[in-house]
Amino acid sequence: MESVADYLRLNGKYFKEAEALMGKGDYVQASEKFWGAAAEIVKAAADKRGMMVKSHGELFGFVSELTHELGDPELPRLFSSASLLHQNFYEDWLPPAMVRNLGEAVKEFVERLKTEI
């Protein structure tokens, strides 16, 4: 069973890997690492509250709950950026500039949630 510390470790690992992959121009792989970073921070926030989220639907549902709990209406938009990057991993259709932009949105999402963990 994973803990908040495990989720935070993976979040940091995926961010480092995403940045390295962006530097190499591997936007498809970077897309998936950004998604992983976002998913892990959501799991950390859930774990801190005694909950476990596993599926995409549960991740989005918990982000919706956090939006209300924290009074932060930007959370769904920012997390949706991560979901687009996850889709890009499978379809490779986003231009590099959009991957960079969406990656920045994921960074903002993670920073907002880290203050709550």
PDB file of N, CA and C in Angstrom:
ATOM      1  N   MET A   1       0.835  -1.179   0.000  1.00  0.00           N
ATOM      2  CA  MET A   1       0.000   0.000   0.000  1.00  0.00           C
ATOM      3  C   MET A   1       0.886   1.252   0.000  1.00  0.00           C
ATOM      4  N   GLU A   2       0.566   2.168  -0.875  1.00  0.00           N
ATOM      5  CA  GLU A   2       1.384   3.366  -0.991  1.00  0.00           C
ATOM      6  C   GLU A   2       0.920   4.436  -0.017  1.00  0.00           C
ATOM      7  N   SER A   3       1.836   5.341   0.293  1.00  0.00           N
ATOM      8  CA  SER A   3       1.559   6.408   1.245  1.00  0.00           C
ATOM      9  C   SER A   3       1.733   7.761   0.571  1.00  0.00           C
ATOM     10  N   VAL A   4       1.407   8.805   1.304  1.00  0.00           N
ATOM     11  CA  VAL A   4       1.603  10.163   0.795  1.00  0.00           C
ATOM     12  C   VAL A   4       3.048  10.342   0.336  1.00  0.00           C
ATOM     13  N   ALA A   5       3.996   9.870   1.136  1.00  0.00           N
ATOM     14  CA  ALA A   5       5.413  10.015   0.786  1.00  0.00           C
ATOM     15  C   ALA A   5       5.738   9.300  -0.527  1.00  0.00           C
ATOM     16  N   ASP A   6       5.163   8.121  -0.731  1.00  0.00           N
ATOM     17  CA  ASP A   6       5.397   7.376  -1.973  1.00  0.00           C
ATOM     18  C   ASP A   6       4.849   8.142  -3.173  1.00  0.00           C
ATOM     19  N   TYR A   7       3.629   8.668  -3.026  1.00  0.00           N
ATOM     20  CA  TYR A   7       3.016   9.425  -4.124  1.00  0.00           C
ATOM     21  C   TYR A   7       3.824  10.685  -4.433  1.00  0.00           C
ATOM     22  N   LEU A   8       4.304  11.359  -3.402  1.00  0.00           N
ATOM     23  CA  LEU A   8       5.107  12.573  -3.613  1.00  0.00           C
ATOM     24  C   LEU A   8       6.447  12.247  -4.272  1.00  0.00           C
ATOM     25  N   ARG A   9       7.040  11.118  -3.887  1.00  0.00           N
ATOM     26  CA  ARG A   9       8.301  10.694  -4.508  1.00  0.00           C
ATOM     27  C   ARG A   9       8.095  10.444  -5.996  1.00  0.00           C
ATOM     28  N   LEU A  10       7.019   9.735  -6.331  1.00  0.00           N
ATOM     29  CA  LEU A  10       6.733   9.462  -7.738  1.00  0.00           C
ATOM     30  C   LEU A  10       6.407  10.741  -8.497  1.00  0.00           C
ATOM     31  N   ASN A  11       5.683  11.651  -7.861  1.00  0.00           N
ATOM     32  CA  ASN A  11       5.377  12.939  -8.479  1.00  0.00           C
ATOM     33  C   ASN A  11       6.674  13.641  -8.886  1.00  0.00           C
ATOM     34  N   GLY A  12       7.629  13.721  -7.969  1.00  0.00           N
ATOM     35  CA  GLY A  12       8.908  14.370  -8.266  1.00  0.00           C
ATOM     36  C   GLY A  12       9.692  13.648  -9.342  1.00  0.00           C
ATOM     37  N   LYS A  13       9.682  12.332  -9.280  1.00  0.00           N
ATOM     38  CA  LYS A  13      10.380  11.514 -10.284  1.00  0.00           C
ATOM     39  C   LYS A  13       9.808  11.777 -11.674  1.00  0.00           C
ATOM     40  N   TYR A  14       8.477  11.771 -11.783  1.00  0.00           N
ATOM     41  CA  TYR A  14       7.854  11.969 -13.086  1.00  0.00           C
ATOM     42  C   TYR A  14       8.095  13.377 -13.620  1.00  0.00           C
ATOM     43  N   PHE A  15       8.115  14.357 -12.731  1.00  0.00           N
ATOM     44  CA  PHE A  15       8.404  15.719 -13.183  1.00  0.00           C
ATOM     45  C   PHE A  15       9.821  15.832 -13.734  1.00  0.00           C
ATOM     46  N   LYS A  16      10.778  15.252 -13.033  1.00  0.00           N
ATOM     47  CA  LYS A  16      12.167  15.290 -13.511  1.00  0.00           C
ATOM     48  C   LYS A  16      12.289  14.605 -14.862  1.00  0.00           C
ATOM     49  N   GLU A  17      11.627  13.477 -14.997  1.00  0.00           N
ATOM     50  CA  GLU A  17      11.677  12.748 -16.260  1.00  0.00           C
ATOM     51  C   GLU A  17      10.995  13.538 -17.376  1.00  0.00           C
ATOM     52  N   ALA A  18       9.875  14.187 -17.070  1.00  0.00           N
ATOM     53  CA  ALA A  18       9.178  14.999 -18.079  1.00  0.00           C
ATOM     54  C   ALA A  18      10.079  16.128 -18.566  1.00  0.00           C
ATOM     55  N   GLU A  19      10.740  16.801 -17.650  1.00  0.00           N
ATOM     56  CA  GLU A  19      11.629  17.904 -18.028  1.00  0.00           C
ATOM     57  C   GLU A  19      12.785  17.412 -18.897  1.00  0.00           C
ATOM     58  N   ALA A  20      13.366  16.277 -18.527  1.00  0.00           N
ATOM     59  CA  ALA A  20      14.463  15.720 -19.320  1.00  0.00           C
ATOM     60  C   ALA A  20      13.985  15.340 -20.717  1.00  0.00           C
ATOM     61  N   LEU A  21      12.825  14.731 -20.793  1.00  0.00           N
ATOM     62  CA  LEU A  21      12.271  14.328 -22.092  1.00  0.00           C
ATOM     63  C   LEU A  21      11.921  15.542 -22.950  1.00  0.00           C
ATOM     64  N   MET A  22      11.422  16.595 -22.328  1.00  0.00           N
ATOM     65  CA  MET A  22      11.144  17.833 -23.076  1.00  0.00           C
ATOM     66  C   MET A  22      12.440  18.369 -23.677  1.00  0.00           C
ATOM     67  N   GLY A  23      13.507  18.335 -22.901  1.00  0.00           N
ATOM     68  CA  GLY A  23      14.806  18.803 -23.383  1.00  0.00           C
ATOM     69  C   GLY A  23      15.326  18.000 -24.562  1.00  0.00           C
ATOM     70  N   LYS A  24      14.931  16.745 -24.639  1.00  0.00           N
ATOM     71  CA  LYS A  24      15.344  15.869 -25.743  1.00  0.00           C
ATOM     72  C   LYS A  24      14.386  15.948 -26.923  1.00  0.00           C
ATOM     73  N   GLY A  25      13.289  16.694 -26.747  1.00  0.00           N
ATOM     74  CA  GLY A  25      12.306  16.793 -27.824  1.00  0.00           C
ATOM     75  C   GLY A  25      11.367  15.601 -27.904  1.00  0.00           C
ATOM     76  N   ASP A  26      11.333  14.789 -26.857  1.00  0.00           N
ATOM     77  CA  ASP A  26      10.440  13.624 -26.836  1.00  0.00           C
ATOM     78  C   ASP A  26       9.135  14.028 -26.149  1.00  0.00           C
ATOM     79  N   TYR A  27       8.294  14.712 -26.905  1.00  0.00           N
ATOM     80  CA  TYR A  27       7.073  15.286 -26.347  1.00  0.00           C
ATOM     81  C   TYR A  27       6.020  14.241 -26.011  1.00  0.00           C
ATOM     82  N   VAL A  28       6.033  13.135 -26.713  1.00  0.00           N
ATOM     83  CA  VAL A  28       5.065  12.070 -26.441  1.00  0.00           C
ATOM     84  C   VAL A  28       5.340  11.456 -25.065  1.00  0.00           C
ATOM     85  N   GLN A  29       6.580  11.087 -24.812  1.00  0.00           N
ATOM     86  CA  GLN A  29       6.915  10.494 -23.516  1.00  0.00           C
ATOM     87  C   GLN A  29       6.789  11.526 -22.392  1.00  0.00           C
ATOM     88  N   ALA A  30       7.173  12.771 -22.673  1.00  0.00           N
ATOM     89  CA  ALA A  30       7.038  13.833 -21.668  1.00  0.00           C
ATOM     90  C   ALA A  30       5.575  14.027 -21.297  1.00  0.00           C
ATOM     91  N   SER A  31       4.697  13.908 -22.287  1.00  0.00           N
ATOM     92  CA  SER A  31       3.262  14.051 -22.029  1.00  0.00           C
ATOM     93  C   SER A  31       2.798  13.067 -20.967  1.00  0.00           C
ATOM     94  N   GLU A  32       3.230  11.828 -21.089  1.00  0.00           N
ATOM     95  CA  GLU A  32       2.787  10.809 -20.140  1.00  0.00           C
ATOM     96  C   GLU A  32       3.388  11.041 -18.754  1.00  0.00           C
ATOM     97  N   LYS A  33       4.605  11.528 -18.705  1.00  0.00           N
ATOM     98  CA  LYS A  33       5.222  11.807 -17.402  1.00  0.00           C
ATOM     99  C   LYS A  33       4.516  12.957 -16.707  1.00  0.00           C
ATOM    100  N   PHE A  34       4.097  13.979 -17.457  1.00  0.00           N
ATOM    101  CA  PHE A  34       3.327  15.067 -16.845  1.00  0.00           C
ATOM    102  C   PHE A  34       2.002  14.526 -16.291  1.00  0.00           C
ATOM    103  N   TRP A  35       1.343  13.661 -17.057  1.00  0.00           N
ATOM    104  CA  TRP A  35       0.116  13.044 -16.570  1.00  0.00           C
ATOM    105  C   TRP A  35       0.393  12.288 -15.267  1.00  0.00           C
ATOM    106  N   GLY A  36       1.451  11.505 -15.262  1.00  0.00           N
ATOM    107  CA  GLY A  36       1.791  10.738 -14.066  1.00  0.00           C
ATOM    108  C   GLY A  36       2.025  11.629 -12.856  1.00  0.00           C
ATOM    109  N   ALA A  37       2.710  12.745 -13.068  1.00  0.00           N
ATOM    110  CA  ALA A  37       2.960  13.681 -11.971  1.00  0.00           C
ATOM    111  C   ALA A  37       1.646  14.220 -11.415  1.00  0.00           C
ATOM    112  N   ALA A  38       0.721  14.568 -12.294  1.00  0.00           N
ATOM    113  CA  ALA A  38      -0.573  15.097 -11.857  1.00  0.00           C
ATOM    114  C   ALA A  38      -1.364  14.020 -11.118  1.00  0.00           C
ATOM    115  N   ALA A  39      -1.399  12.815 -11.660  1.00  0.00           N
ATOM    116  CA  ALA A  39      -2.153  11.735 -11.026  1.00  0.00           C
ATOM    117  C   ALA A  39      -1.599  11.417  -9.639  1.00  0.00           C
ATOM    118  N   GLU A  40      -0.285  11.427  -9.495  1.00  0.00           N
ATOM    119  CA  GLU A  40       0.326  11.092  -8.204  1.00  0.00           C
ATOM    120  C   GLU A  40       0.031  12.152  -7.148  1.00  0.00           C
ATOM    121  N   ILE A  41      -0.027  13.416  -7.527  1.00  0.00           N
ATOM    122  CA  ILE A  41      -0.329  14.452  -6.532  1.00  0.00           C
ATOM    123  C   ILE A  41      -1.784  14.342  -6.090  1.00  0.00           C
ATOM    124  N   VAL A  42      -2.674  13.954  -7.005  1.00  0.00           N
ATOM    125  CA  VAL A  42      -4.071  13.745  -6.627  1.00  0.00           C
ATOM    126  C   VAL A  42      -4.162  12.564  -5.662  1.00  0.00           C
ATOM    127  N   LYS A  43      -3.443  11.505  -5.945  1.00  0.00           N
ATOM    128  CA  LYS A  43      -3.443  10.340  -5.058  1.00  0.00           C
ATOM    129  C   LYS A  43      -2.893  10.700  -3.683  1.00  0.00           C
ATOM    130  N   ALA A  44      -1.865  11.548  -3.645  1.00  0.00           N
ATOM    131  CA  ALA A  44      -1.301  11.989  -2.361  1.00  0.00           C
ATOM    132  C   ALA A  44      -2.333  12.771  -1.561  1.00  0.00           C
ATOM    133  N   ALA A  45      -3.031  13.685  -2.226  1.00  0.00           N
ATOM    134  CA  ALA A  45      -4.058  14.485  -1.538  1.00  0.00           C
ATOM    135  C   ALA A  45      -5.176  13.586  -1.025  1.00  0.00           C
ATOM    136  N   ALA A  46      -5.551  12.600  -1.816  1.00  0.00           N
ATOM    137  CA  ALA A  46      -6.601  11.668  -1.388  1.00  0.00           C
ATOM    138  C   ALA A  46      -6.125  10.841  -0.199  1.00  0.00           C
ATOM    139  N   ASP A  47      -4.911  10.328  -0.281  1.00  0.00           N
ATOM    140  CA  ASP A  47      -4.372   9.502   0.788  1.00  0.00           C
ATOM    141  C   ASP A  47      -4.312  10.285   2.097  1.00  0.00           C
ATOM    142  N   LYS A  48      -3.942  11.540   2.017  1.00  0.00           N
ATOM    143  CA  LYS A  48      -3.884  12.376   3.217  1.00  0.00           C
ATOM    144  C   LYS A  48      -5.253  12.481   3.870  1.00  0.00           C
ATOM    145  N   ARG A  49      -6.307  12.369   3.069  1.00  0.00           N
ATOM    146  CA  ARG A  49      -7.672  12.456   3.579  1.00  0.00           C
ATOM    147  C   ARG A  49      -8.273  11.077   3.854  1.00  0.00           C
ATOM    148  N   GLY A  50      -7.414  10.036   3.827  1.00  0.00           N
ATOM    149  CA  GLY A  50      -7.872   8.685   4.130  1.00  0.00           C
ATOM    150  C   GLY A  50      -8.634   8.023   3.007  1.00  0.00           C
ATOM    151  N   MET A  51      -8.433   8.522   1.781  1.00  0.00           N
ATOM    152  CA  MET A  51      -9.132   7.970   0.623  1.00  0.00           C
ATOM    153  C   MET A  51      -8.121   7.362  -0.345  1.00  0.00           C
ATOM    154  N   MET A  52      -8.612   6.506  -1.211  1.00  0.00           N
ATOM    155  CA  MET A  52      -7.778   5.929  -2.252  1.00  0.00           C
ATOM    156  C   MET A  52      -8.487   6.130  -3.586  1.00  0.00           C
ATOM    157  N   VAL A  53      -7.754   6.646  -4.551  1.00  0.00           N
ATOM    158  CA  VAL A  53      -8.302   6.801  -5.903  1.00  0.00           C
ATOM    159  C   VAL A  53      -7.408   6.034  -6.864  1.00  0.00           C
ATOM    160  N   LYS A  54      -8.013   5.323  -7.781  1.00  0.00           N
ATOM    161  CA  LYS A  54      -7.254   4.482  -8.711  1.00  0.00           C
ATOM    162  C   LYS A  54      -7.589   4.762 -10.169  1.00  0.00           C
ATOM    163  N   SER A  55      -8.867   4.863 -10.490  1.00  0.00           N
ATOM    164  CA  SER A  55      -9.258   4.987 -11.895  1.00  0.00           C
ATOM    165  C   SER A  55      -9.265   6.451 -12.336  1.00  0.00           C
ATOM    166  N   HIS A  56      -9.333   6.641 -13.642  1.00  0.00           N
ATOM    167  CA  HIS A  56      -9.443   8.001 -14.174  1.00  0.00           C
ATOM    168  C   HIS A  56     -10.682   8.701 -13.619  1.00  0.00           C
ATOM    169  N   GLY A  57     -11.796   7.982 -13.589  1.00  0.00           N
ATOM    170  CA  GLY A  57     -13.028   8.560 -13.072  1.00  0.00           C
ATOM    171  C   GLY A  57     -12.899   8.976 -11.613  1.00  0.00           C
ATOM    172  N   GLU A  58     -12.230   8.144 -10.823  1.00  0.00           N
ATOM    173  CA  GLU A  58     -12.030   8.482  -9.413  1.00  0.00           C
ATOM    174  C   GLU A  58     -11.102   9.680  -9.261  1.00  0.00           C
ATOM    175  N   LEU A  59     -10.079   9.766 -10.105  1.00  0.00           N
ATOM    176  CA  LEU A  59      -9.180  10.922 -10.059  1.00  0.00           C
ATOM    177  C   LEU A  59      -9.948  12.205 -10.342  1.00  0.00           C
ATOM    178  N   PHE A  60     -10.743  12.191 -11.416  1.00  0.00           N
ATOM    179  CA  PHE A  60     -11.520  13.382 -11.767  1.00  0.00           C
ATOM    180  C   PHE A  60     -12.569  13.700 -10.703  1.00  0.00           C
ATOM    181  N   GLY A  61     -13.197  12.673 -10.154  1.00  0.00           N
ATOM    182  CA  GLY A  61     -14.180  12.885  -9.103  1.00  0.00           C
ATOM    183  C   GLY A  61     -13.561  13.519  -7.873  1.00  0.00           C
ATOM    184  N   PHE A  62     -12.364  13.065  -7.511  1.00  0.00           N
ATOM    185  CA  PHE A  62     -11.703  13.631  -6.338  1.00  0.00           C
ATOM    186  C   PHE A  62     -11.245  15.065  -6.603  1.00  0.00           C
ATOM    187  N   VAL A  63     -10.782  15.345  -7.821  1.00  0.00           N
ATOM    188  CA  VAL A  63     -10.415  16.720  -8.158  1.00  0.00           C
ATOM    189  C   VAL A  63     -11.645  17.620  -8.037  1.00  0.00           C
ATOM    190  N   SER A  64     -12.786  17.119  -8.428  1.00  0.00           N
ATOM    191  CA  SER A  64     -14.027  17.879  -8.286  1.00  0.00           C
ATOM    192  C   SER A  64     -14.317  18.165  -6.809  1.00  0.00           C
ATOM    193  N   GLU A  65     -14.130  17.150  -5.964  1.00  0.00           N
ATOM    194  CA  GLU A  65     -14.318  17.342  -4.523  1.00  0.00           C
ATOM    195  C   GLU A  65     -13.339  18.385  -3.983  1.00  0.00           C
ATOM    196  N   LEU A  66     -12.080  18.298  -4.408  1.00  0.00           N
ATOM    197  CA  LEU A  66     -11.074  19.261  -3.951  1.00  0.00           C
ATOM    198  C   LEU A  66     -11.413  20.685  -4.389  1.00  0.00           C
ATOM    199  N   THR A  67     -11.985  20.802  -5.583  1.00  0.00           N
ATOM    200  CA  THR A  67     -12.377  22.114  -6.091  1.00  0.00           C
ATOM    201  C   THR A  67     -13.321  22.794  -5.105  1.00  0.00           C
ATOM    202  N   HIS A  68     -14.281  22.033  -4.608  1.00  0.00           N
ATOM    203  CA  HIS A  68     -15.250  22.578  -3.649  1.00  0.00           C
ATOM    204  C   HIS A  68     -14.615  22.768  -2.274  1.00  0.00           C
ATOM    205  N   GLU A  69     -13.850  21.777  -1.841  1.00  0.00           N
ATOM    206  CA  GLU A  69     -13.215  21.854  -0.518  1.00  0.00           C
ATOM    207  C   GLU A  69     -12.275  23.046  -0.420  1.00  0.00           C
ATOM    208  N   LEU A  70     -11.481  23.258  -1.464  1.00  0.00           N
ATOM    209  CA  LEU A  70     -10.462  24.304  -1.432  1.00  0.00           C
ATOM    210  C   LEU A  70     -10.956  25.630  -1.994  1.00  0.00           C
ATOM    211  N   GLY A  71     -12.107  25.617  -2.610  1.00  0.00           N
ATOM    212  CA  GLY A  71     -12.621  26.843  -3.220  1.00  0.00           C
ATOM    213  C   GLY A  71     -11.747  27.326  -4.364  1.00  0.00           C
ATOM    214  N   ASP A  72     -11.189  26.380  -5.121  1.00  0.00           N
ATOM    215  CA  ASP A  72     -10.281  26.714  -6.224  1.00  0.00           C
ATOM    216  C   ASP A  72     -10.898  26.237  -7.546  1.00  0.00           C
ATOM    217  N   PRO A  73     -11.605  27.128  -8.244  1.00  0.00           N
ATOM    218  CA  PRO A  73     -12.289  26.724  -9.472  1.00  0.00           C
ATOM    219  C   PRO A  73     -11.354  26.411 -10.638  1.00  0.00           C
ATOM    220  N   GLU A  74     -10.073  26.666 -10.493  1.00  0.00           N
ATOM    221  CA  GLU A  74      -9.116  26.383 -11.571  1.00  0.00           C
ATOM    222  C   GLU A  74      -8.650  24.928 -11.586  1.00  0.00           C
ATOM    223  N   LEU A  75      -8.857  24.214 -10.507  1.00  0.00           N
ATOM    224  CA  LEU A  75      -8.336  22.844 -10.431  1.00  0.00           C
ATOM    225  C   LEU A  75      -8.823  21.940 -11.562  1.00  0.00           C
ATOM    226  N   PRO A  76     -10.114  21.931 -11.904  1.00  0.00           N
ATOM    227  CA  PRO A  76     -10.541  21.050 -13.005  1.00  0.00           C
ATOM    228  C   PRO A  76      -9.889  21.400 -14.342  1.00  0.00           C
ATOM    229  N   ARG A  77      -9.752  22.679 -14.628  1.00  0.00           N
ATOM    230  CA  ARG A  77      -9.116  23.092 -15.882  1.00  0.00           C
ATOM    231  C   ARG A  77      -7.655  22.646 -15.917  1.00  0.00           C
ATOM    232  N   LEU A  78      -6.960  22.864 -14.823  1.00  0.00           N
ATOM    233  CA  LEU A  78      -5.548  22.488 -14.772  1.00  0.00           C
ATOM    234  C   LEU A  78      -5.372  20.978 -14.866  1.00  0.00           C
ATOM    235  N   PHE A  79      -6.228  20.220 -14.181  1.00  0.00           N
ATOM    236  CA  PHE A  79      -6.121  18.762 -14.241  1.00  0.00           C
ATOM    237  C   PHE A  79      -6.509  18.248 -15.618  1.00  0.00           C
ATOM    238  N   SER A  80      -7.432  18.911 -16.269  1.00  0.00           N
ATOM    239  CA  SER A  80      -7.805  18.521 -17.636  1.00  0.00           C
ATOM    240  C   SER A  80      -6.623  18.671 -18.592  1.00  0.00           C
ATOM    241  N   SER A  81      -5.744  19.609 -18.309  1.00  0.00           N
ATOM    242  CA  SER A  81      -4.519  19.749 -19.115  1.00  0.00           C
ATOM    243  C   SER A  81      -3.696  18.470 -19.036  1.00  0.00           C
ATOM    244  N   ALA A  82      -3.618  17.903 -17.838  1.00  0.00           N
ATOM    245  CA  ALA A  82      -2.881  16.654 -17.673  1.00  0.00           C
ATOM    246  C   ALA A  82      -3.545  15.530 -18.455  1.00  0.00           C
ATOM    247  N   SER A  83      -4.868  15.525 -18.474  1.00  0.00           N
ATOM    248  CA  SER A  83      -5.588  14.491 -19.209  1.00  0.00           C
ATOM    249  C   SER A  83      -5.337  14.593 -20.716  1.00  0.00           C
ATOM    250  N   LEU A  84      -5.276  15.815 -21.229  1.00  0.00           N
ATOM    251  CA  LEU A  84      -4.940  15.993 -22.652  1.00  0.00           C
ATOM    252  C   LEU A  84      -3.546  15.460 -22.956  1.00  0.00           C
ATOM    253  N   LEU A  85      -2.628  15.675 -22.031  1.00  0.00           N
ATOM    254  CA  LEU A  85      -1.273  15.150 -22.230  1.00  0.00           C
ATOM    255  C   LEU A  85      -1.277  13.624 -22.205  1.00  0.00           C
ATOM    256  N   HIS A  86      -2.082  13.048 -21.337  1.00  0.00           N
ATOM    257  CA  HIS A  86      -2.204  11.585 -21.281  1.00  0.00           C
ATOM    258  C   HIS A  86      -2.721  11.056 -22.621  1.00  0.00           C
ATOM    259  N   GLN A  87      -3.713  11.725 -23.179  1.00  0.00           N
ATOM    260  CA  GLN A  87      -4.244  11.336 -24.489  1.00  0.00           C
ATOM    261  C   GLN A  87      -3.169  11.479 -25.563  1.00  0.00           C
ATOM    262  N   ASN A  88      -2.377  12.535 -25.456  1.00  0.00           N
ATOM    263  CA  ASN A  88      -1.314  12.762 -26.438  1.00  0.00           C
ATOM    264  C   ASN A  88      -0.297  11.624 -26.446  1.00  0.00           C
ATOM    265  N   PHE A  89      -0.079  11.008 -25.301  1.00  0.00           N
ATOM    266  CA  PHE A  89       0.845   9.879 -25.233  1.00  0.00           C
ATOM    267  C   PHE A  89       0.421   8.772 -26.188  1.00  0.00           C
ATOM    268  N   TYR A  90      -0.883   8.564 -26.305  1.00  0.00           N
ATOM    269  CA  TYR A  90      -1.399   7.504 -27.165  1.00  0.00           C
ATOM    270  C   TYR A  90      -1.589   7.935 -28.611  1.00  0.00           C
ATOM    271  N   GLU A  91      -1.824   9.222 -28.821  1.00  0.00           N
ATOM    272  CA  GLU A  91      -2.188   9.677 -30.164  1.00  0.00           C
ATOM    273  C   GLU A  91      -1.164  10.592 -30.835  1.00  0.00           C
ATOM    274  N   ASP A  92      -0.273  11.194 -30.069  1.00  0.00           N
ATOM    275  CA  ASP A  92       0.808  12.037 -30.602  1.00  0.00           C
ATOM    276  C   ASP A  92       0.292  13.100 -31.570  1.00  0.00           C
ATOM    277  N   TRP A  93      -0.669  13.888 -31.139  1.00  0.00           N
ATOM    278  CA  TRP A  93      -1.248  14.893 -32.015  1.00  0.00           C
ATOM    279  C   TRP A  93      -1.005  16.327 -31.555  1.00  0.00           C
ATOM    280  N   LEU A  94      -0.505  16.525 -30.341  1.00  0.00           N
ATOM    281  CA  LEU A  94      -0.286  17.887 -29.854  1.00  0.00           C
ATOM    282  C   LEU A  94       1.025  18.462 -30.375  1.00  0.00           C
ATOM    283  N   PRO A  95       1.011  19.703 -30.836  1.00  0.00           N
ATOM    284  CA  PRO A  95       2.257  20.362 -31.228  1.00  0.00           C
ATOM    285  C   PRO A  95       3.152  20.572 -29.997  1.00  0.00           C
ATOM    286  N   PRO A  96       4.458  20.596 -30.182  1.00  0.00           N
ATOM    287  CA  PRO A  96       5.381  20.784 -29.056  1.00  0.00           C
ATOM    288  C   PRO A  96       5.054  22.001 -28.182  1.00  0.00           C
ATOM    289  N   ALA A  97       4.658  23.109 -28.791  1.00  0.00           N
ATOM    290  CA  ALA A  97       4.344  24.306 -28.004  1.00  0.00           C
ATOM    291  C   ALA A  97       3.171  24.045 -27.059  1.00  0.00           C
ATOM    292  N   MET A  98       2.216  23.254 -27.499  1.00  0.00           N
ATOM    293  CA  MET A  98       1.074  22.936 -26.630  1.00  0.00           C
ATOM    294  C   MET A  98       1.485  21.994 -25.515  1.00  0.00           C
ATOM    295  N   VAL A  99       2.366  21.064 -25.808  1.00  0.00           N
ATOM    296  CA  VAL A  99       2.854  20.167 -24.754  1.00  0.00           C
ATOM    297  C   VAL A  99       3.553  20.995 -23.679  1.00  0.00           C
ATOM    298  N   ARG A 100       4.379  21.955 -24.099  1.00  0.00           N
ATOM    299  CA  ARG A 100       5.051  22.829 -23.136  1.00  0.00           C
ATOM    300  C   ARG A 100       4.035  23.606 -22.310  1.00  0.00           C
ATOM    301  N   ASN A 101       3.044  24.188 -22.979  1.00  0.00           N
ATOM    302  CA  ASN A 101       2.029  24.987 -22.298  1.00  0.00           C
ATOM    303  C   ASN A 101       1.220  24.145 -21.321  1.00  0.00           C
ATOM    304  N   LEU A 102       0.796  22.984 -21.751  1.00  0.00           N
ATOM    305  CA  LEU A 102       0.024  22.102 -20.879  1.00  0.00           C
ATOM    306  C   LEU A 102       0.877  21.571 -19.725  1.00  0.00           C
ATOM    307  N   GLY A 103       2.155  21.352 -19.995  1.00  0.00           N
ATOM    308  CA  GLY A 103       3.073  20.948 -18.926  1.00  0.00           C
ATOM    309  C   GLY A 103       3.163  22.020 -17.845  1.00  0.00           C
ATOM    310  N   GLU A 104       3.152  23.283 -18.259  1.00  0.00           N
ATOM    311  CA  GLU A 104       3.161  24.385 -17.288  1.00  0.00           C
ATOM    312  C   GLU A 104       1.872  24.389 -16.465  1.00  0.00           C
ATOM    313  N   ALA A 105       0.751  24.072 -17.097  1.00  0.00           N
ATOM    314  CA  ALA A 105      -0.516  23.989 -16.374  1.00  0.00           C
ATOM    315  C   ALA A 105      -0.458  22.867 -15.331  1.00  0.00           C
ATOM    316  N   VAL A 106       0.173  21.756 -15.684  1.00  0.00           N
ATOM    317  CA  VAL A 106       0.320  20.653 -14.738  1.00  0.00           C
ATOM    318  C   VAL A 106       1.188  21.090 -13.565  1.00  0.00           C
ATOM    319  N   LYS A 107       2.252  21.820 -13.849  1.00  0.00           N
ATOM    320  CA  LYS A 107       3.106  22.323 -12.763  1.00  0.00           C
ATOM    321  C   LYS A 107       2.297  23.201 -11.812  1.00  0.00           C
ATOM    322  N   GLU A 108       1.471  24.065 -12.359  1.00  0.00           N
ATOM    323  CA  GLU A 108       0.637  24.929 -11.525  1.00  0.00           C
ATOM    324  C   GLU A 108      -0.333  24.090 -10.689  1.00  0.00           C
ATOM    325  N   PHE A 109      -0.932  23.090 -11.303  1.00  0.00           N
ATOM    326  CA  PHE A 109      -1.851  22.197 -10.596  1.00  0.00           C
ATOM    327  C   PHE A 109      -1.146  21.534  -9.414  1.00  0.00           C
ATOM    328  N   VAL A 110       0.028  21.000  -9.666  1.00  0.00           N
ATOM    329  CA  VAL A 110       0.780  20.303  -8.615  1.00  0.00           C
ATOM    330  C   VAL A 110       1.130  21.262  -7.487  1.00  0.00           C
ATOM    331  N   GLU A 111       1.582  22.451  -7.824  1.00  0.00           N
ATOM    332  CA  GLU A 111       1.937  23.425  -6.790  1.00  0.00           C
ATOM    333  C   GLU A 111       0.727  23.789  -5.924  1.00  0.00           C
ATOM    334  N   ARG A 112      -0.428  23.937  -6.546  1.00  0.00           N
ATOM    335  CA  ARG A 112      -1.636  24.252  -5.778  1.00  0.00           C
ATOM    336  C   ARG A 112      -1.993  23.137  -4.821  1.00  0.00           C
ATOM    337  N   LEU A 113      -1.853  21.883  -5.262  1.00  0.00           N
ATOM    338  CA  LEU A 113      -2.203  20.770  -4.381  1.00  0.00           C
ATOM    339  C   LEU A 113      -1.146  20.507  -3.322  1.00  0.00           C
ATOM    340  N   LYS A 114       0.111  20.761  -3.641  1.00  0.00           N
ATOM    341  CA  LYS A 114       1.175  20.518  -2.649  1.00  0.00           C
ATOM    342  C   LYS A 114       0.951  21.332  -1.381  1.00  0.00           C
ATOM    343  N   THR A 115       0.356  22.483  -1.512  1.00  0.00           N
ATOM    344  CA  THR A 115       0.096  23.306  -0.318  1.00  0.00           C
ATOM    345  C   THR A 115      -0.954  22.678   0.577  1.00  0.00           C
ATOM    346  N   GLU A 116      -1.686  21.700   0.061  1.00  0.00           N
ATOM    347  CA  GLU A 116      -2.769  21.060   0.812  1.00  0.00           C
ATOM    348  C   GLU A 116      -2.378  19.692   1.338  1.00  0.00           C
ATOM    349  N   ILE A 117      -1.126  19.307   1.152  1.00  0.00           N
ATOM    350  CA  ILE A 117      -0.690  17.963   1.579  1.00  0.00           C
ATOM    351  C   ILE A 117       0.219  18.079   2.793  1.00  0.00           C
TER     352      ILE A 117
END
